[in-house]
C-alpha atoms as a PDB file:
ATOM      1  CA  MET A   1      -0.061   0.043  -0.049  1.00  0.00           C
ATOM      2  CA  LYS A   2       1.645   2.428   0.655  1.00  0.00           C
ATOM      3  CA  LYS A   3       3.973   4.406  -0.722  1.00  0.00           C
ATOM      4  CA  ILE A   4       3.496   7.801  -0.834  1.00  0.00           C
ATOM      5  CA  ILE A   5       5.207  11.120  -1.452  1.00  0.00           C
ATOM      6  CA  TYR A   6       4.235  13.875   0.163  1.00  0.00           C
ATOM      7  CA  LEU A   7       4.132  17.203  -1.642  1.00  0.00           C
ATOM      8  CA  ILE A   8       3.976  19.470   1.280  1.00  0.00           C
ATOM      9  CA  ALA A   9       2.011  21.053   0.633  1.00  0.00           C
ATOM     10  CA  LEU A  10     -25.213  25.005   4.053  1.00  0.00           C
ATOM     11  CA  ILE A  11     -25.575  23.988   0.976  1.00  0.00           C
ATOM     12  CA  VAL A  12     -27.896  27.272   0.601  1.00  0.00           C
ATOM     13  CA  LEU A  13     -30.673  26.969  -1.872  1.00  0.00           C
ATOM     14  CA  CYS A  14     -31.999  30.333  -2.980  1.00  0.00           C
ATOM     15  CA  GLY A  15     -35.177  31.236  -4.304  1.00  0.00           C
ATOM     16  CA  CYS A  16     -38.230  33.539  -4.825  1.00  0.00           C
ATOM     17  CA  LYS A  17     -41.065  33.774  -2.315  1.00  0.00           C
ATOM     18  CA  GLY A  18     -44.761  34.530  -3.214  1.00  0.00           C
ATOM     19  CA  ASN A  19     -45.611  37.931  -5.057  1.00  0.00           C
ATOM     20  CA  ASN A  20     -42.434  39.668  -3.314  1.00  0.00           C
ATOM     21  CA  LYS A  21     -39.467  39.808  -5.028  1.00  0.00           C
ATOM     22  CA  THR A  22     -36.782  39.333  -2.184  1.00  0.00           C
ATOM     23  CA  SER A  23     -34.807  36.106  -2.163  1.00  0.00           C
ATOM     24  CA  GLU A  24     -34.344  34.123   0.897  1.00  0.00           C
ATOM     25  CA  ALA A  25     -31.511  31.796   1.811  1.00  0.00           C
ATOM     26  CA  GLU A  26     -33.176  28.364   3.394  1.00  0.00           C
ATOM     27  CA  GLU A  27     -31.097  25.990   4.752  1.00  0.00           C
ATOM     28  CA  THR A  28     -32.078  22.294   3.417  1.00  0.00           C
ATOM     29  CA  VAL A  29     -32.336  19.846   6.642  1.00  0.00           C
ATOM     30  CA  ILE A  30     -31.834  16.348   6.014  1.00  0.00           C
ATOM     31  CA  GLU A  31     -32.333  13.915   9.163  1.00  0.00           C
ATOM     32  CA  VAL A  32     -29.046  11.469   9.264  1.00  0.00           C
ATOM     33  CA  PRO A  33     -29.051   8.758  11.450  1.00  0.00           C
ATOM     34  CA  SER A  34     -26.194   9.114  14.297  1.00  0.00           C
ATOM     35  CA  PHE A  35     -23.052   6.593  13.550  1.00  0.00           C
ATOM     36  CA  CYS A  36     -22.586   4.792  17.046  1.00  0.00           C
ATOM     37  CA  ALA A  37     -18.463   4.882  17.495  1.00  0.00           C
ATOM     38  CA  ASP A  38     -18.718   2.496  20.231  1.00  0.00           C
ATOM     39  CA  SER A  39     -20.014   0.105  17.937  1.00  0.00           C
ATOM     40  CA  ALA A  40     -17.559   0.121  15.370  1.00  0.00           C
ATOM     41  CA  TYR A  41     -15.030  -0.014  18.040  1.00  0.00           C
ATOM     42  CA  GLU A  42     -16.442  -3.320  19.297  1.00  0.00           C
ATOM     43  CA  TYR A  43     -15.896  -4.436  15.427  1.00  0.00           C
ATOM     44  CA  VAL A  44     -12.412  -3.324  15.080  1.00  0.00           C
ATOM     45  CA  ALA A  45     -12.001  -5.364  18.332  1.00  0.00           C
ATOM     46  CA  LYS A  46     -13.647  -8.553  17.753  1.00  0.00           C
ATOM     47  CA  GLN A  47     -11.322  -8.349  14.607  1.00  0.00           C
ATOM     48  CA  CYS A  48      -8.242  -8.128  16.354  1.00  0.00           C
ATOM     49  CA  SER A  49      -9.211 -10.662  18.826  1.00  0.00           C
ATOM     50  CA  PHE A  50      -8.681 -13.482  16.152  1.00  0.00           C
ATOM     51  CA  GLY A  51      -5.236 -12.805  15.874  1.00  0.00           C
ATOM     52  CA  PRO A  52      -3.027 -10.781  12.814  1.00  0.00           C
ATOM     53  CA  ARG A  53      -4.974 -11.311   9.181  1.00  0.00           C
ATOM     54  CA  VAL A  54      -2.415 -13.032   7.410  1.00  0.00           C
ATOM     55  CA  MET A  55      -3.166 -14.918   4.701  1.00  0.00           C
ATOM     56  CA  ASN A  56      -2.832 -18.599   4.756  1.00  0.00           C
ATOM     57  CA  THR A  57      -3.676 -18.591   8.381  1.00  0.00           C
ATOM     58  CA  ALA A  58      -6.391 -19.915  10.654  1.00  0.00           C
ATOM     59  CA  ALA A  59      -7.162 -16.171  12.193  1.00  0.00           C
ATOM     60  CA  HIS A  60      -7.183 -14.918   8.557  1.00  0.00           C
ATOM     61  CA  ASP A  61      -9.863 -17.660   7.857  1.00  0.00           C
ATOM     62  CA  SER A  62     -11.972 -17.333  10.675  1.00  0.00           C
ATOM     63  CA  CYS A  63     -11.956 -13.513  10.644  1.00  0.00           C
ATOM     64  CA  GLY A  64     -13.054 -13.577   6.672  1.00  0.00           C
ATOM     65  CA  ASN A  65     -15.994 -15.716   8.238  1.00  0.00           C
ATOM     66  CA  TYR A  66     -16.774 -13.427  11.165  1.00  0.00           C
ATOM     67  CA  ILE A  67     -16.916 -10.493   8.284  1.00  0.00           C
ATOM     68  CA  ALA A  68     -19.052 -12.029   6.296  1.00  0.00           C
ATOM     69  CA  ASN A  69     -21.550 -13.715   8.702  1.00  0.00           C
ATOM     70  CA  LYS A  70     -21.867 -10.107  10.436  1.00  0.00           C
ATOM     71  CA  PHE A  71     -22.590  -8.362   7.067  1.00  0.00           C
ATOM     72  CA  GLU A  72     -25.037 -11.220   6.315  1.00  0.00           C
ATOM     73  CA  SER A  73     -26.830 -10.378   9.750  1.00  0.00           C
ATOM     74  CA  PHE A  74     -27.179  -6.970   8.439  1.00  0.00           C
ATOM     75  CA  GLY A  75     -29.140  -7.979   5.508  1.00  0.00           C
ATOM     76  CA  ALA A  76     -26.489  -7.741   2.880  1.00  0.00           C
ATOM     77  CA  LYS A  77     -26.225 -10.015   0.086  1.00  0.00           C
ATOM     78  CA  VAL A  78     -22.674 -11.288   0.100  1.00  0.00           C
ATOM     79  CA  TYR A  79     -20.336 -12.248  -2.548  1.00  0.00           C
ATOM     80  CA  ASN A  80     -16.891 -14.436  -1.476  1.00  0.00           C
ATOM     81  CA  GLN A  81     -14.156 -13.856  -4.472  1.00  0.00           C
ATOM     82  CA  TYR A  82     -11.467 -16.698  -3.530  1.00  0.00           C
ATOM     83  CA  ALA A  83      -8.101 -16.688  -5.913  1.00  0.00           C
ATOM     84  CA  ASP A  84      -4.878 -17.754  -5.360  1.00  0.00           C
ATOM     85  CA  SER A  85      -1.757 -15.020  -5.599  1.00  0.00           C
ATOM     86  CA  LYS A  86       1.827 -14.581  -4.679  1.00  0.00           C
ATOM     87  CA  LEU A  87       4.082 -12.467  -2.308  1.00  0.00           C
ATOM     88  CA  TYR A  88       6.689 -10.545  -3.282  1.00  0.00           C
ATOM     89  CA  ASP A  89       8.766 -13.640  -2.677  1.00  0.00           C
ATOM     90  CA  GLY A  90       6.893 -15.902  -4.731  1.00  0.00           C
ATOM     91  CA  THR A  91       5.152 -17.432  -1.679  1.00  0.00           C
ATOM     92  CA  PRO A  92       1.804 -19.079  -2.856  1.00  0.00           C
ATOM     93  CA  ILE A  93      -1.021 -17.358  -0.754  1.00  0.00           C
ATOM     94  CA  LYS A  94      -4.969 -17.506  -0.707  1.00  0.00           C
ATOM     95  CA  MET A  95      -7.118 -14.975  -0.726  1.00  0.00           C
ATOM     96  CA  ARG A  96     -10.623 -13.705  -0.322  1.00  0.00           C
ATOM     97  CA  ASN A  97     -12.446 -10.540  -1.468  1.00  0.00           C
ATOM     98  CA  ILE A  98     -15.807 -10.223   0.256  1.00  0.00           C
ATOM     99  CA  VAL A  99     -18.448  -8.033  -0.947  1.00  0.00           C
ATOM    100  CA  ALA A 100     -21.669  -7.007   0.786  1.00  0.00           C
ATOM    101  CA  CYS A 101     -24.323  -4.955  -1.247  1.00  0.00           C
ATOM    102  CA  ILE A 102     -26.729  -3.476   1.203  1.00  0.00           C
ATOM    103  CA  ASN A 103     -30.375  -3.014  -1.355  1.00  0.00           C
ATOM    104  CA  PRO A 104     -29.300  -5.412  -3.671  1.00  0.00           C
ATOM    105  CA  ASP A 105     -31.521  -4.528  -6.600  1.00  0.00           C
ATOM    106  CA  ALA A 106     -31.154  -1.189  -6.706  1.00  0.00           C
ATOM    107  CA  ASN A 107     -30.036  -0.050 -10.199  1.00  0.00           C
ATOM    108  CA  VAL A 108     -27.539   2.659  -8.937  1.00  0.00           C
ATOM    109  CA  HIS A 109     -24.647   1.485  -6.855  1.00  0.00           C
ATOM    110  CA  ILE A 110     -22.043   3.350  -4.285  1.00  0.00           C
ATOM    111  CA  LEU A 111     -18.841   1.135  -3.538  1.00  0.00           C
ATOM    112  CA  ILE A 112     -17.620   1.822   0.202  1.00  0.00           C
ATOM    113  CA  SER A 113     -14.130  -0.264   0.303  1.00  0.00           C
ATOM    114  CA  GLY A 114     -11.332  -1.168   2.922  1.00  0.00           C
ATOM    115  CA  HIS A 115      -8.869  -3.601   3.405  1.00  0.00           C
ATOM    116  CA  TRP A 116      -9.225  -6.361   5.791  1.00  0.00           C
ATOM    117  CA  ASP A 117      -5.880  -8.258   5.952  1.00  0.00           C
ATOM    118  CA  SER A 118      -3.195  -7.088   8.443  1.00  0.00           C
ATOM    119  CA  ARG A 119       0.708  -6.466   7.592  1.00  0.00           C
ATOM    120  CA  PRO A 120       2.421  -9.944   7.774  1.00  0.00           C
ATOM    121  CA  TRP A 121       5.754  -7.766   9.044  1.00  0.00           C
ATOM    122  CA  ALA A 122       6.281  -5.253  11.083  1.00  0.00           C
ATOM    123  CA  ASP A 123       8.722  -4.086   9.558  1.00  0.00           C
ATOM    124  CA  HIS A 124       8.560  -0.364  10.945  1.00  0.00           C
ATOM    125  CA  ASP A 125       8.883  -1.292  14.203  1.00  0.00           C
ATOM    126  CA  GLU A 126      11.805   0.242  16.288  1.00  0.00           C
ATOM    127  CA  ASP A 127      12.754  -2.901  17.642  1.00  0.00           C
ATOM    128  CA  GLU A 128      14.113  -5.260  14.965  1.00  0.00           C
ATOM    129  CA  ASN A 129      13.785  -8.095  16.284  1.00  0.00           C
ATOM    130  CA  MET A 130      10.173  -7.476  15.551  1.00  0.00           C
ATOM    131  CA  HIS A 131      10.155  -7.189  11.944  1.00  0.00           C
ATOM    132  CA  HIS A 132       9.343 -10.385  11.115  1.00  0.00           C
ATOM    133  CA  THR A 133       6.096 -10.341  13.378  1.00  0.00           C
ATOM    134  CA  PRO A 134       2.849 -10.135  12.087  1.00  0.00           C
ATOM    135  CA  ILE A 135       0.911  -6.836  13.302  1.00  0.00           C
ATOM    136  CA  ASP A 136      -2.633  -6.957  14.605  1.00  0.00           C
ATOM    137  CA  GLY A 137      -3.590  -4.360  12.369  1.00  0.00           C
ATOM    138  CA  ALA A 138      -6.351  -2.469  14.345  1.00  0.00           C
ATOM    139  CA  ASN A 139      -5.891   0.703  12.408  1.00  0.00           C
ATOM    140  CA  ASP A 140      -4.685  -0.517   9.410  1.00  0.00           C
ATOM    141  CA  GLY A 141      -7.275  -2.578   8.420  1.00  0.00           C
ATOM    142  CA  ALA A 142     -10.036  -3.327  10.931  1.00  0.00           C
ATOM    143  CA  SER A 143     -10.930  -0.063  11.597  1.00  0.00           C
ATOM    144  CA  SER A 144     -12.108   0.558   7.624  1.00  0.00           C
ATOM    145  CA  ILE A 145     -14.079  -2.627   8.174  1.00  0.00           C
ATOM    146  CA  GLY A 146     -15.288  -1.591  11.730  1.00  0.00           C
ATOM    147  CA  VAL A 147     -16.837   1.643  10.206  1.00  0.00           C
ATOM    148  CA  MET A 148     -18.041  -0.181   7.470  1.00  0.00           C
ATOM    149  CA  LEU A 149     -20.046  -2.716   9.551  1.00  0.00           C
ATOM    150  CA  GLU A 150     -21.460   0.017  11.361  1.00  0.00           C
ATOM    151  CA  MET A 151     -22.698   1.672   8.074  1.00  0.00           C
ATOM    152  CA  ALA A 152     -24.681  -1.494   6.937  1.00  0.00           C
ATOM    153  CA  ARG A 153     -25.998  -2.304  10.516  1.00  0.00           C
ATOM    154  CA  ILE A 154     -27.853   1.415   9.866  1.00  0.00           C
ATOM    155  CA  LEU A 155     -28.610   1.287   6.793  1.00  0.00           C
ATOM    156  CA  ASN A 156     -30.348  -2.074   7.343  1.00  0.00           C
ATOM    157  CA  ASP A 157     -31.812  -0.533  10.235  1.00  0.00           C
ATOM    158  CA  ASP A 158     -33.064   2.163   8.187  1.00  0.00           C
ATOM    159  CA  LEU A 159     -34.375  -0.035   5.369  1.00  0.00           C
ATOM    160  CA  LYS A 160     -36.458  -2.228   8.105  1.00  0.00           C
ATOM    161  CA  ALA A 161     -38.152   0.652   9.697  1.00  0.00           C
ATOM    162  CA  ASN A 162     -38.924   2.647   7.271  1.00  0.00           C
ATOM    163  CA  GLY A 163     -39.927   0.367   3.987  1.00  0.00           C
ATOM    164  CA  ASP A 164     -40.455   2.223   1.086  1.00  0.00           C
ATOM    165  CA  SER A 165     -39.036   5.595   2.988  1.00  0.00           C
ATOM    166  CA  ALA A 166     -36.019   4.704   3.618  1.00  0.00           C
ATOM    167  CA  MET A 167     -33.382   6.520   2.535  1.00  0.00           C
ATOM    168  CA  LEU A 168     -31.999   3.539  -0.320  1.00  0.00           C
ATOM    169  CA  ARG A 169     -35.245   3.075  -1.819  1.00  0.00           C
ATOM    170  CA  GLN A 170     -36.421   6.541  -1.632  1.00  0.00           C
ATOM    171  CA  LYS A 171     -32.865   7.662  -3.511  1.00  0.00           C
ATOM    172  CA  GLY A 172     -32.946   3.915  -5.473  1.00  0.00           C
ATOM    173  CA  LEU A 173     -29.205   3.222  -4.259  1.00  0.00           C
ATOM    174  CA  ALA A 174     -27.346  -0.008  -3.719  1.00  0.00           C
ATOM    175  CA  ILE A 175     -24.433   0.237  -0.912  1.00  0.00           C
ATOM    176  CA  ASP A 176     -21.411  -2.071  -1.969  1.00  0.00           C
ATOM    177  CA  PHE A 177     -19.343  -2.634   1.028  1.00  0.00           C
ATOM    178  CA  ILE A 178     -15.819  -4.359  -0.562  1.00  0.00           C
ATOM    179  CA  CYS A 179     -13.324  -5.551   1.840  1.00  0.00           C
ATOM    180  CA  TRP A 180     -10.068  -6.289  -0.026  1.00  0.00           C
ATOM    181  CA  ASP A 181      -7.884  -8.765   1.246  1.00  0.00           C
ATOM    182  CA  ALA A 182      -3.943  -8.887   0.687  1.00  0.00           C
ATOM    183  CA  GLU A 183      -3.746  -5.354   0.697  1.00  0.00           C
ATOM    184  CA  ASP A 184      -0.977  -4.788   2.867  1.00  0.00           C
ATOM    185  CA  SER A 185       1.091  -7.702   1.776  1.00  0.00           C
ATOM    186  CA  GLY A 186       3.950  -5.293  -0.409  1.00  0.00           C
ATOM    187  CA  THR A 187       7.741  -6.176  -0.106  1.00  0.00           C
ATOM    188  CA  PRO A 188       8.824  -5.408   3.092  1.00  0.00           C
ATOM    189  CA  GLU A 189      11.702  -3.018   4.138  1.00  0.00           C
ATOM    190  CA  PHE A 190      14.195  -6.149   4.899  1.00  0.00           C
ATOM    191  CA  ALA A 191      13.843  -7.322   1.866  1.00  0.00           C
ATOM    192  CA  ASP A 192      16.646  -7.238  -0.634  1.00  0.00           C
ATOM    193  CA  ASN A 193      14.591  -5.516  -3.815  1.00  0.00           C
ATOM    194  CA  HIS A 194      12.601  -3.210  -1.423  1.00  0.00           C
ATOM    195  CA  ASP A 195      13.674  -0.237  -3.340  1.00  0.00           C
ATOM    196  CA  MET A 196      13.239  -1.380  -6.745  1.00  0.00           C
ATOM    197  CA  ASP A 197       9.153  -0.350  -8.325  1.00  0.00           C
ATOM    198  CA  ASP A 198       7.244  -2.927  -6.039  1.00  0.00           C
ATOM    199  CA  SER A 199       3.662  -1.132  -6.686  1.00  0.00           C
ATOM    200  CA  LYS A 200       2.340  -4.662  -8.043  1.00  0.00           C
ATOM    201  CA  THR A 201       3.172  -6.364  -4.871  1.00  0.00           C
ATOM    202  CA  TRP A 202       0.415  -4.016  -2.833  1.00  0.00           C
ATOM    203  CA  CYS A 203      -3.283  -4.038  -3.268  1.00  0.00           C
ATOM    204  CA  LEU A 204      -3.279  -7.826  -4.650  1.00  0.00           C
ATOM    205  CA  GLY A 205      -7.322  -8.414  -3.692  1.00  0.00           C
ATOM    206  CA  SER A 206      -8.086  -5.106  -5.418  1.00  0.00           C
ATOM    207  CA  GLN A 207      -5.715  -5.764  -8.222  1.00  0.00           C
ATOM    208  CA  TYR A 208      -7.828  -9.089  -8.935  1.00  0.00           C
ATOM    209  CA  TRP A 209     -11.065  -7.698  -8.515  1.00  0.00           C
ATOM    210  CA  ALA A 210     -10.296  -5.179 -10.948  1.00  0.00           C
ATOM    211  CA  GLY A 211      -9.789  -7.963 -13.783  1.00  0.00           C
ATOM    212  CA  VAL A 212     -12.534 -10.234 -12.172  1.00  0.00           C
ATOM    213  CA  ARG A 213     -15.811  -8.417 -10.749  1.00  0.00           C
ATOM    214  CA  HIS A 214     -17.718 -10.092  -8.514  1.00  0.00           C
ATOM    215  CA  VAL A 215     -20.703  -9.688 -10.573  1.00  0.00           C
ATOM    216  CA  GLU A 216     -19.756  -9.385 -14.382  1.00  0.00           C
ATOM    217  CA  GLY A 217     -19.961  -5.872 -15.692  1.00  0.00           C
ATOM    218  CA  TYR A 218     -20.440  -4.415 -12.108  1.00  0.00           C
ATOM    219  CA  THR A 219     -20.112  -0.841 -12.091  1.00  0.00           C
ATOM    220  CA  ALA A 220     -21.167   1.974  -9.713  1.00  0.00           C
ATOM    221  CA  ARG A 221     -21.350   6.048  -9.573  1.00  0.00           C
ATOM    222  CA  TYR A 222     -18.668   6.121  -7.493  1.00  0.00           C
ATOM    223  CA  GLY A 223     -16.325   4.649  -4.638  1.00  0.00           C
ATOM    224  CA  ILE A 224     -14.695   6.155  -1.394  1.00  0.00           C
ATOM    225  CA  ASN A 225     -12.066   3.676  -0.204  1.00  0.00           C
ATOM    226  CA  LEU A 226     -11.500   3.743   3.529  1.00  0.00           C
ATOM    227  CA  ASP A 227      -7.467   3.405   5.089  1.00  0.00           C
ATOM    228  CA  MET A 228      -6.400   3.815   8.466  1.00  0.00           C
ATOM    229  CA  VAL A 229      -9.339   5.640   9.663  1.00  0.00           C
ATOM    230  CA  GLY A 230      -9.089   4.936  13.550  1.00  0.00           C
ATOM    231  CA  SER A 231      -6.354   6.098  15.234  1.00  0.00           C
ATOM    232  CA  ASN A 232      -5.187   8.593  17.637  1.00  0.00           C
ATOM    233  CA  LYS A 233      -3.586  11.805  16.505  1.00  0.00           C
ATOM    234  CA  THR A 234      -5.026  11.364  12.678  1.00  0.00           C
ATOM    235  CA  ILE A 235      -5.686  13.591   9.820  1.00  0.00           C
ATOM    236  CA  PHE A 236      -6.991  12.906   6.405  1.00  0.00           C
ATOM    237  CA  TYR A 237      -5.478  14.792   3.706  1.00  0.00           C
ATOM    238  CA  LYS A 238      -6.444  14.852  -0.079  1.00  0.00           C
ATOM    239  CA  GLU A 239      -4.852  12.231  -1.834  1.00  0.00           C
ATOM    240  CA  GLY A 240      -3.118  12.797  -4.895  1.00  0.00           C
ATOM    241  CA  TYR A 241      -4.735  10.087  -7.225  1.00  0.00           C
ATOM    242  CA  SER A 242      -8.085  11.243  -5.575  1.00  0.00           C
ATOM    243  CA  MET A 243      -7.634  14.668  -7.008  1.00  0.00           C
ATOM    244  CA  ARG A 244      -6.795  13.275 -10.211  1.00  0.00           C
ATOM    245  CA  PHE A 245      -9.558  10.897 -10.954  1.00  0.00           C
ATOM    246  CA  ALA A 246     -12.455  12.515  -8.591  1.00  0.00           C
ATOM    247  CA  PRO A 247     -11.612  15.851  -7.601  1.00  0.00           C
ATOM    248  CA  ALA A 248     -15.699  16.824  -7.410  1.00  0.00           C
ATOM    249  CA  LEU A 249     -15.757  13.978  -4.874  1.00  0.00           C
ATOM    250  CA  VAL A 250     -12.945  14.661  -2.772  1.00  0.00           C
ATOM    251  CA  ASP A 251     -14.679  18.150  -2.611  1.00  0.00           C
ATOM    252  CA  LYS A 252     -17.956  16.983  -1.741  1.00  0.00           C
ATOM    253  CA  VAL A 253     -16.712  14.818   1.318  1.00  0.00           C
ATOM    254  CA  TRP A 254     -14.389  17.410   2.391  1.00  0.00           C
ATOM    255  CA  SER A 255     -17.243  19.952   2.577  1.00  0.00           C
ATOM    256  CA  THR A 256     -19.409  17.666   4.403  1.00  0.00           C
ATOM    257  CA  ALA A 257     -16.959  16.915   6.846  1.00  0.00           C
ATOM    258  CA  SER A 258     -16.598  20.618   7.070  1.00  0.00           C
ATOM    259  CA  LYS A 259     -20.290  21.290   7.567  1.00  0.00           C
ATOM    260  CA  LEU A 260     -20.023  18.375  10.366  1.00  0.00           C
ATOM    261  CA  GLY A 261     -17.445  20.202  12.230  1.00  0.00           C
ATOM    262  CA  TYR A 262     -14.737  17.808  11.384  1.00  0.00           C
ATOM    263  CA  THR A 263     -12.206  20.191   9.970  1.00  0.00           C
ATOM    264  CA  ASN A 264      -9.616  18.927  12.649  1.00  0.00           C
ATOM    265  CA  TYR A 265      -9.901  15.846  11.113  1.00  0.00           C
ATOM    266  CA  PHE A 266     -10.214  16.471   7.332  1.00  0.00           C
ATOM    267  CA  SER A 267      -7.308  18.957   5.973  1.00  0.00           C
ATOM    268  CA  ASN A 268      -7.581  21.126   3.186  1.00  0.00           C
ATOM    269  CA  GLU A 269      -4.284  20.526   2.153  1.00  0.00           C
ATOM    270  CA  THR A 270      -3.160  18.085  -0.288  1.00  0.00           C
ATOM    271  CA  CYS A 271      -0.698  15.577   0.303  1.00  0.00           C
ATOM    272  CA  GLY A 272       1.274  13.064  -2.536  1.00  0.00           C
ATOM    273  CA  TYR A 273      -0.048  10.130  -4.605  1.00  0.00           C
ATOM    274  CA  VAL A 274      -0.671   6.895  -2.571  1.00  0.00           C
ATOM    275  CA  THR A 275      -0.284   3.458  -3.983  1.00  0.00           C
ATOM    276  CA  ASP A 276      -4.047   2.180  -2.521  1.00  0.00           C
ATOM    277  CA  ASP A 277      -6.948  -0.008  -3.739  1.00  0.00           C
ATOM    278  CA  HIS A 278      -8.762   3.261  -4.965  1.00  0.00           C
ATOM    279  CA  VAL A 279      -5.935   3.236  -7.596  1.00  0.00           C
ATOM    280  CA  GLN A 280      -7.402  -0.043  -8.912  1.00  0.00           C
ATOM    281  CA  VAL A 281     -11.335   0.737  -8.918  1.00  0.00           C
ATOM    282  CA  ASN A 282     -10.183   4.098 -10.743  1.00  0.00           C
ATOM    283  CA  LEU A 283      -8.392   1.908 -13.442  1.00  0.00           C
ATOM    284  CA  GLY A 284     -11.203  -0.043 -13.656  1.00  0.00           C
ATOM    285  CA  GLY A 285     -13.481   2.914 -14.633  1.00  0.00           C
ATOM    286  CA  ILE A 286     -14.606   3.765 -11.421  1.00  0.00           C
ATOM    287  CA  PRO A 287     -14.321   7.163 -10.046  1.00  0.00           C
ATOM    288  CA  CYS A 288     -12.847   6.569  -6.753  1.00  0.00           C
ATOM    289  CA  ILE A 289     -11.105   8.529  -3.786  1.00  0.00           C
ATOM    290  CA  ASP A 290      -9.110   7.494  -0.740  1.00  0.00           C
ATOM    291  CA  ILE A 291      -9.778   8.585   2.526  1.00  0.00           C
ATOM    292  CA  ILE A 292      -6.265   7.712   4.208  1.00  0.00           C
ATOM    293  CA  GLY A 293      -5.150   8.775   7.697  1.00  0.00           C
ATOM    294  CA  ALA A 294      -1.962  10.843   7.992  1.00  0.00           C
ATOM    295  CA  ASP A 295       0.146  11.583  11.330  1.00  0.00           C
ATOM    296  CA  ALA A 296      -1.672  15.112  12.407  1.00  0.00           C
ATOM    297  CA  GLU A 297       1.919  15.979  14.679  1.00  0.00           C
ATOM    298  CA  GLY A 298       4.277  14.588  11.967  1.00  0.00           C
ATOM    299  CA  ASP A 299       4.968  14.195   8.306  1.00  0.00           C
ATOM    300  CA  GLY A 300       3.891  10.313   6.565  1.00  0.00           C
ATOM    301  CA  PHE A 301       1.143   7.855   7.750  1.00  0.00           C
ATOM    302  CA  PRO A 302       0.274   7.067  11.647  1.00  0.00           C
ATOM    303  CA  SER A 303       3.258   6.473  13.955  1.00  0.00           C
ATOM    304  CA  THR A 304       1.687   2.860  14.685  1.00  0.00           C
ATOM    305  CA  TRP A 305       1.848   2.273  10.663  1.00  0.00           C
ATOM    306  CA  HIS A 306       3.866  -1.137  10.527  1.00  0.00           C
ATOM    307  CA  THR A 307       4.670  -1.381  13.712  1.00  0.00           C
ATOM    308  CA  MET A 308       3.610  -3.435  16.897  1.00  0.00           C
ATOM    309  CA  ASP A 309       1.732  -0.812  18.071  1.00  0.00           C
ATOM    310  CA  ASP A 310      -1.259  -0.778  15.659  1.00  0.00           C
ATOM    311  CA  ASN A 311      -3.417  -2.211  18.218  1.00  0.00           C
ATOM    312  CA  ILE A 312      -6.499  -1.827  19.838  1.00  0.00           C
ATOM    313  CA  ASP A 313      -4.974   0.689  22.564  1.00  0.00           C
ATOM    314  CA  ASN A 314      -4.430   3.266  19.688  1.00  0.00           C
ATOM    315  CA  ILE A 315      -7.852   3.191  18.227  1.00  0.00           C
ATOM    316  CA  ASN A 316      -9.755   6.575  18.856  1.00  0.00           C
ATOM    317  CA  LYS A 317     -13.372   6.657  18.995  1.00  0.00           C
ATOM    318  CA  GLN A 318     -14.022  10.072  17.885  1.00  0.00           C
ATOM    319  CA  THR A 319     -11.681   9.520  14.955  1.00  0.00           C
ATOM    320  CA  LEU A 320     -14.305   6.667  13.710  1.00  0.00           C
ATOM    321  CA  LYS A 321     -17.553   8.933  14.728  1.00  0.00           C
ATOM    322  CA  ALA A 322     -15.769  11.591  12.417  1.00  0.00           C
ATOM    323  CA  ILE A 323     -15.337   9.162   9.469  1.00  0.00           C
ATOM    324  CA  GLY A 324     -18.457   7.325  10.214  1.00  0.00           C
ATOM    325  CA  GLN A 325     -20.900  10.468  10.593  1.00  0.00           C
ATOM    326  CA  THR A 326     -19.085  12.139   7.314  1.00  0.00           C
ATOM    327  CA  MET A 327     -19.929   8.794   5.211  1.00  0.00           C
ATOM    328  CA  LEU A 328     -23.742   8.321   6.186  1.00  0.00           C
ATOM    329  CA  THR A 329     -24.066  12.165   5.742  1.00  0.00           C
ATOM    330  CA  VAL A 330     -22.485  11.917   2.276  1.00  0.00           C
ATOM    331  CA  LEU A 331     -24.749   9.458   1.253  1.00  0.00           C
ATOM    332  CA  TRP A 332     -28.038  10.724   2.944  1.00  0.00           C
ATOM    333  CA  ASN A 333     -27.376  13.950   0.864  1.00  0.00           C
ATOM    334  CA  GLU A 334     -26.552  11.623  -2.601  1.00  0.00           C
END
């Protein structure tokens, strides 16, 4: 994933009223459900409880079953994409992309995604003895899925409670939650060839999906990829590929966050280009942006990135709330 180069760097409707010729600003108010950060946090913790979600392990398989079953419990139609691939050194791996669709019969689809695997190596840990040890990936992986699961729960509750008046039915929308596998298995720092162009060793699950969709001919109005959206002292910059492929969508999400009071999380500054799963979605013809966490107190990714400290102790509910509430508000205003 994640090779980054930093470049360091009310909706108001006006109308005429009656017979007078004065214009008045009218604020459009849409009631959006409250995103429950406590619930999202529990989903993150549950994923971590299985152990590192590294391909070819029992922890990986068990957690994949948990994620798929949880989405199904929220009324989603679940597709499992099983595929064989290889790591940077030729090691064979078994991948599983999990796709969960809410309101699948709608004509217009929106894609929300994030990776569920965890890094097999803590190759950025200060302790070199830990560099070959897999990480929990609480932020880098599990946080995105936690947010997506809570969104699915809320969307399903709205469908059950409101029938034809439910938001998705009114707007004719389907929401596809895609949980990418093998995103975080790119060439480690300790490998002899880590300085070479290794972009193809990252994002293996989305690379597979780009060539073999879960449904033949699948497309979506747009996509939003979430990555590292739950840690302390996090900030979200406008990422380079997102600004190249879908600048209007970036502005839509960031302006929504601003209206909700989350300007301390969503910065109007841009960062460099990040090799992440959204790149494959864009190459597949669907405009997609990346909401990816950075260190609010320094350059680069959060300080726990690819270290043993990326565990549940460093997950922040306020960060989860900022992301989740922003995402729900974007959908409800679609």
